[in-house]
Amino acid sequence: MGETHGSTEEHHNPDLYEIRLKGHLDDRWIYRFEGLSLTHESDGTTILTVQVVDQPALHGVLRKVRDLGLPLVSVLQLDPNQANGPNGNENKNPNHSKKKETNL
């Protein structure tokens, strides 16, 4: 008795996501997305890069986007090696995708 069974998710490394929004997010919204990387792209979109421990955490970030009425363009799960920069990825094939699209 008293034996606990750990789930595999307890030891799961955080996932990295790129959330693309239509338009450039004003600096006044940055406080709502503390801990996230925010990048304004030349195509007029804003990219939020977030590391989350599980799907409920990702849904929490997406809920903030929804509640603020921000137009969502896409959500992509990034390869964890991409977070280490181009030298962190051992696959040197330029045709290999570093992103995995997450269906909404």
N, C-alpha and C. Protein backbone atom coordinates (compact mmCIF):
# COMPACT_ATOMS: atom_id res chain seq x y z
N MET A 1 0.83 -1.19 0.00
CA MET A 1 0.00 0.00 0.00
C MET A 1 0.87 1.25 0.00
N GLY A 2 0.29 2.36 -0.23
CA GLY A 2 1.05 3.60 -0.22
C GLY A 2 1.96 3.76 -1.43
N GLU A 3 1.90 2.80 -2.35
CA GLU A 3 2.75 2.87 -3.53
C GLU A 3 2.15 3.89 -4.51
N THR A 4 3.01 4.74 -5.03
CA THR A 4 2.51 5.72 -6.00
C THR A 4 3.04 5.37 -7.37
N HIS A 5 2.23 5.59 -8.33
CA HIS A 5 2.60 5.33 -9.72
C HIS A 5 2.79 6.67 -10.41
N GLY A 6 4.01 6.92 -10.87
CA GLY A 6 4.28 8.17 -11.56
C GLY A 6 3.88 8.08 -13.01
N SER A 7 3.35 9.14 -13.53
CA SER A 7 3.02 9.16 -14.95
C SER A 7 4.25 9.58 -15.73
N THR A 8 4.26 9.25 -17.00
CA THR A 8 5.40 9.63 -17.83
C THR A 8 5.44 11.14 -18.03
N GLU A 9 4.31 11.82 -17.85
CA GLU A 9 4.29 13.27 -18.05
C GLU A 9 5.04 14.01 -16.95
N GLU A 10 5.23 13.38 -15.79
CA GLU A 10 5.93 14.04 -14.70
C GLU A 10 7.37 14.35 -15.09
N HIS A 11 7.93 13.56 -15.96
CA HIS A 11 9.33 13.73 -16.37
C HIS A 11 9.44 14.28 -17.78
N HIS A 12 8.36 14.79 -18.29
CA HIS A 12 8.29 15.31 -19.65
C HIS A 12 8.96 16.68 -19.72
N ASN A 13 9.82 16.85 -20.70
CA ASN A 13 10.43 18.17 -20.91
C ASN A 13 9.38 19.11 -21.47
N PRO A 14 9.45 20.39 -21.12
CA PRO A 14 8.49 21.36 -21.64
C PRO A 14 8.53 21.42 -23.17
N ASP A 15 7.38 21.63 -23.77
CA ASP A 15 7.27 21.79 -25.21
C ASP A 15 7.37 23.26 -25.57
N LEU A 16 7.92 23.54 -26.73
CA LEU A 16 8.10 24.90 -27.21
C LEU A 16 7.10 25.15 -28.34
N TYR A 17 6.36 26.26 -28.25
CA TYR A 17 5.35 26.60 -29.26
C TYR A 17 5.57 28.01 -29.78
N GLU A 18 5.21 28.19 -31.04
CA GLU A 18 5.20 29.50 -31.68
C GLU A 18 3.74 29.84 -31.96
N ILE A 19 3.27 30.92 -31.38
CA ILE A 19 1.89 31.38 -31.58
C ILE A 19 1.96 32.66 -32.40
N ARG A 20 1.40 32.60 -33.61
CA ARG A 20 1.45 33.76 -34.51
C ARG A 20 0.12 34.49 -34.48
N LEU A 21 0.21 35.80 -34.27
CA LEU A 21 -0.98 36.66 -34.20
C LEU A 21 -0.96 37.66 -35.34
N LYS A 22 -2.14 38.03 -35.81
CA LYS A 22 -2.25 39.03 -36.87
C LYS A 22 -2.01 40.40 -36.28
N GLY A 23 -1.15 41.18 -36.91
CA GLY A 23 -0.84 42.52 -36.45
C GLY A 23 0.33 42.53 -35.48
N HIS A 24 0.82 43.72 -35.20
CA HIS A 24 1.90 43.88 -34.24
C HIS A 24 1.29 44.18 -32.88
N LEU A 25 1.59 43.33 -31.93
CA LEU A 25 1.08 43.48 -30.58
C LEU A 25 1.75 44.67 -29.91
N ASP A 26 0.95 45.61 -29.40
CA ASP A 26 1.48 46.79 -28.71
C ASP A 26 2.21 46.37 -27.44
N ASP A 27 3.17 47.18 -27.03
CA ASP A 27 3.92 46.92 -25.81
C ASP A 27 3.02 46.87 -24.58
N ARG A 28 1.86 47.52 -24.64
CA ARG A 28 0.97 47.53 -23.49
C ARG A 28 0.42 46.14 -23.17
N TRP A 29 0.53 45.18 -24.11
CA TRP A 29 0.04 43.83 -23.88
C TRP A 29 1.12 42.90 -23.34
N ILE A 30 2.36 43.33 -23.35
CA ILE A 30 3.47 42.45 -22.96
C ILE A 30 3.29 41.91 -21.54
N TYR A 31 2.80 42.74 -20.64
CA TYR A 31 2.63 42.30 -19.25
C TYR A 31 1.67 41.10 -19.16
N ARG A 32 0.74 40.98 -20.10
CA ARG A 32 -0.20 39.86 -20.10
C ARG A 32 0.45 38.55 -20.52
N PHE A 33 1.61 38.66 -21.15
CA PHE A 33 2.31 37.48 -21.64
C PHE A 33 3.70 37.38 -21.04
N GLU A 34 3.80 37.63 -19.73
CA GLU A 34 5.09 37.57 -19.05
C GLU A 34 5.73 36.20 -19.26
N GLY A 35 7.03 36.20 -19.46
CA GLY A 35 7.77 34.96 -19.63
C GLY A 35 7.78 34.44 -21.06
N LEU A 36 7.10 35.14 -21.95
CA LEU A 36 7.07 34.73 -23.35
C LEU A 36 7.97 35.63 -24.17
N SER A 37 8.53 35.07 -25.22
CA SER A 37 9.29 35.87 -26.17
C SER A 37 8.31 36.45 -27.17
N LEU A 38 8.44 37.73 -27.47
CA LEU A 38 7.54 38.42 -28.39
C LEU A 38 8.37 39.01 -29.51
N THR A 39 8.02 38.69 -30.77
CA THR A 39 8.77 39.17 -31.93
C THR A 39 7.81 39.75 -32.95
N HIS A 40 8.08 40.97 -33.41
CA HIS A 40 7.31 41.57 -34.50
C HIS A 40 7.96 41.17 -35.82
N GLU A 41 7.20 40.56 -36.70
CA GLU A 41 7.69 40.11 -37.99
C GLU A 41 7.43 41.18 -39.06
N SER A 42 8.21 41.14 -40.13
CA SER A 42 8.07 42.13 -41.20
C SER A 42 6.78 41.95 -41.99
N ASP A 43 6.14 40.78 -41.88
CA ASP A 43 4.88 40.56 -42.59
C ASP A 43 3.67 41.10 -41.83
N GLY A 44 3.92 41.81 -40.73
CA GLY A 44 2.83 42.42 -39.96
C GLY A 44 2.25 41.53 -38.88
N THR A 45 2.89 40.40 -38.61
CA THR A 45 2.41 39.51 -37.56
C THR A 45 3.31 39.61 -36.33
N THR A 46 2.79 39.11 -35.22
CA THR A 46 3.55 39.02 -33.98
C THR A 46 3.69 37.56 -33.63
N ILE A 47 4.88 37.15 -33.23
CA ILE A 47 5.11 35.77 -32.81
C ILE A 47 5.37 35.75 -31.31
N LEU A 48 4.57 34.96 -30.61
CA LEU A 48 4.81 34.68 -29.20
C LEU A 48 5.45 33.31 -29.14
N THR A 49 6.60 33.21 -28.50
CA THR A 49 7.24 31.91 -28.31
C THR A 49 7.10 31.56 -26.85
N VAL A 50 6.53 30.40 -26.59
CA VAL A 50 6.21 29.99 -25.22
C VAL A 50 6.65 28.56 -24.99
N GLN A 51 7.16 28.31 -23.79
CA GLN A 51 7.50 26.96 -23.37
C GLN A 51 6.47 26.55 -22.32
N VAL A 52 5.78 25.45 -22.56
CA VAL A 52 4.74 24.99 -21.64
C VAL A 52 5.01 23.56 -21.22
N VAL A 53 4.57 23.23 -20.01
CA VAL A 53 4.81 21.90 -19.47
C VAL A 53 3.79 20.87 -19.96
N ASP A 54 2.61 21.34 -20.36
CA ASP A 54 1.58 20.42 -20.81
C ASP A 54 0.52 21.15 -21.63
N GLN A 55 -0.42 20.40 -22.17
CA GLN A 55 -1.48 20.98 -23.00
C GLN A 55 -2.36 21.97 -22.24
N PRO A 56 -2.73 21.70 -20.98
CA PRO A 56 -3.53 22.70 -20.27
C PRO A 56 -2.81 24.05 -20.15
N ALA A 57 -1.50 24.04 -20.00
CA ALA A 57 -0.75 25.30 -19.93
C ALA A 57 -0.81 26.02 -21.28
N LEU A 58 -0.70 25.28 -22.38
CA LEU A 58 -0.82 25.88 -23.71
C LEU A 58 -2.21 26.48 -23.89
N HIS A 59 -3.22 25.76 -23.47
CA HIS A 59 -4.60 26.27 -23.59
C HIS A 59 -4.78 27.53 -22.75
N GLY A 60 -4.07 27.64 -21.64
CA GLY A 60 -4.13 28.85 -20.82
C GLY A 60 -3.61 30.06 -21.58
N VAL A 61 -2.51 29.88 -22.30
CA VAL A 61 -1.96 30.98 -23.11
C VAL A 61 -2.93 31.33 -24.23
N LEU A 62 -3.46 30.31 -24.89
CA LEU A 62 -4.41 30.55 -25.99
C LEU A 62 -5.69 31.22 -25.48
N ARG A 63 -6.08 30.91 -24.25
CA ARG A 63 -7.25 31.57 -23.65
C ARG A 63 -6.99 33.06 -23.47
N LYS A 64 -5.75 33.43 -23.09
CA LYS A 64 -5.41 34.86 -22.97
C LYS A 64 -5.53 35.54 -24.33
N VAL A 65 -5.03 34.88 -25.37
CA VAL A 65 -5.12 35.43 -26.73
C VAL A 65 -6.58 35.65 -27.09
N ARG A 66 -7.41 34.66 -26.83
CA ARG A 66 -8.84 34.76 -27.13
C ARG A 66 -9.51 35.86 -26.33
N ASP A 67 -9.23 35.91 -25.02
CA ASP A 67 -9.88 36.89 -24.15
C ASP A 67 -9.52 38.32 -24.52
N LEU A 68 -8.33 38.53 -25.08
CA LEU A 68 -7.93 39.86 -25.50
C LEU A 68 -8.43 40.20 -26.90
N GLY A 69 -9.04 39.23 -27.56
CA GLY A 69 -9.58 39.46 -28.91
C GLY A 69 -8.50 39.56 -29.96
N LEU A 70 -7.35 38.93 -29.71
CA LEU A 70 -6.25 38.99 -30.66
C LEU A 70 -6.47 37.96 -31.76
N PRO A 71 -6.33 38.35 -33.04
CA PRO A 71 -6.56 37.42 -34.15
C PRO A 71 -5.43 36.38 -34.23
N LEU A 72 -5.78 35.12 -34.02
CA LEU A 72 -4.83 34.01 -34.06
C LEU A 72 -4.62 33.56 -35.50
N VAL A 73 -3.36 33.47 -35.92
CA VAL A 73 -3.04 33.02 -37.27
C VAL A 73 -2.65 31.54 -37.24
N SER A 74 -1.75 31.15 -36.33
CA SER A 74 -1.32 29.76 -36.28
C SER A 74 -0.67 29.44 -34.94
N VAL A 75 -0.62 28.15 -34.66
CA VAL A 75 0.09 27.62 -33.50
C VAL A 75 0.96 26.49 -34.02
N LEU A 76 2.27 26.61 -33.80
CA LEU A 76 3.21 25.59 -34.26
C LEU A 76 4.00 25.06 -33.08
N GLN A 77 4.15 23.73 -33.03
CA GLN A 77 5.04 23.15 -32.04
C GLN A 77 6.43 23.11 -32.66
N LEU A 78 7.39 23.71 -31.95
CA LEU A 78 8.75 23.78 -32.46
C LEU A 78 9.56 22.58 -32.00
N ASP A 79 10.53 22.21 -32.81
CA ASP A 79 11.47 21.16 -32.45
C ASP A 79 12.29 21.67 -31.27
N PRO A 80 12.44 20.89 -30.19
CA PRO A 80 13.20 21.38 -29.03
C PRO A 80 14.64 21.74 -29.37
N ASN A 81 15.20 21.13 -30.40
CA ASN A 81 16.57 21.46 -30.82
C ASN A 81 16.65 22.87 -31.39
N GLN A 82 15.54 23.38 -31.92
CA GLN A 82 15.52 24.71 -32.49
C GLN A 82 15.74 25.76 -31.42
N ALA A 83 15.35 25.47 -30.19
CA ALA A 83 15.53 26.42 -29.09
C ALA A 83 17.00 26.64 -28.79
N ASN A 84 17.84 25.68 -29.18
CA ASN A 84 19.28 25.79 -28.94
C ASN A 84 20.00 26.51 -30.07
N GLY A 85 19.25 27.01 -31.04
CA GLY A 85 19.86 27.70 -32.17
C GLY A 85 20.22 26.72 -33.26
N PRO A 86 20.73 27.22 -34.38
CA PRO A 86 21.00 26.37 -35.53
C PRO A 86 22.07 25.32 -35.26
N ASN A 87 22.99 25.58 -34.36
CA ASN A 87 24.04 24.61 -34.08
C ASN A 87 23.56 23.52 -33.13
N GLY A 88 22.43 23.71 -32.48
CA GLY A 88 21.91 22.72 -31.56
C GLY A 88 21.19 21.59 -32.26
N ASN A 89 20.89 21.76 -33.54
CA ASN A 89 20.19 20.75 -34.30
C ASN A 89 21.19 19.91 -35.06
N GLU A 90 21.22 18.62 -34.76
CA GLU A 90 22.20 17.75 -35.39
C GLU A 90 21.83 17.42 -36.82
N ASN A 91 20.59 17.58 -37.21
CA ASN A 91 20.17 17.30 -38.57
C ASN A 91 20.56 18.48 -39.44
N LYS A 92 21.49 18.25 -40.34
CA LYS A 92 22.01 19.33 -41.20
C LYS A 92 21.24 19.45 -42.51
N ASN A 93 20.21 18.65 -42.70
CA ASN A 93 19.43 18.69 -43.92
C ASN A 93 18.56 19.94 -43.91
N PRO A 94 18.81 20.90 -44.84
CA PRO A 94 18.03 22.15 -44.84
C PRO A 94 16.56 21.93 -45.20
N ASN A 95 16.23 20.78 -45.79
CA ASN A 95 14.84 20.51 -46.16
C ASN A 95 14.06 19.89 -45.01
N HIS A 96 14.73 19.56 -43.91
CA HIS A 96 14.06 18.96 -42.76
C HIS A 96 13.31 20.03 -42.00
N SER A 97 12.03 19.83 -41.80
CA SER A 97 11.21 20.81 -41.10
C SER A 97 11.52 20.81 -39.62
N LYS A 98 11.67 22.00 -39.04
CA LYS A 98 11.92 22.13 -37.62
C LYS A 98 10.64 22.41 -36.86
N LYS A 99 9.53 22.50 -37.57
CA LYS A 99 8.26 22.85 -36.94
C LYS A 99 7.25 21.76 -37.20
N LYS A 100 6.36 21.59 -36.28
CA LYS A 100 5.26 20.65 -36.44
C LYS A 100 3.99 21.45 -36.20
N GLU A 101 3.10 21.46 -37.18
CA GLU A 101 1.88 22.25 -37.05
C GLU A 101 0.92 21.57 -36.10
N THR A 102 0.32 22.35 -35.24
CA THR A 102 -0.68 21.86 -34.31
C THR A 102 -2.04 22.32 -34.81
N ASN A 103 -2.91 21.35 -35.06
CA ASN A 103 -4.23 21.69 -35.55
C ASN A 103 -5.06 22.29 -34.44
N LEU A 104 -5.79 23.36 -34.76
CA LEU A 104 -6.63 24.03 -33.77
C LEU A 104 -8.01 23.46 -33.76
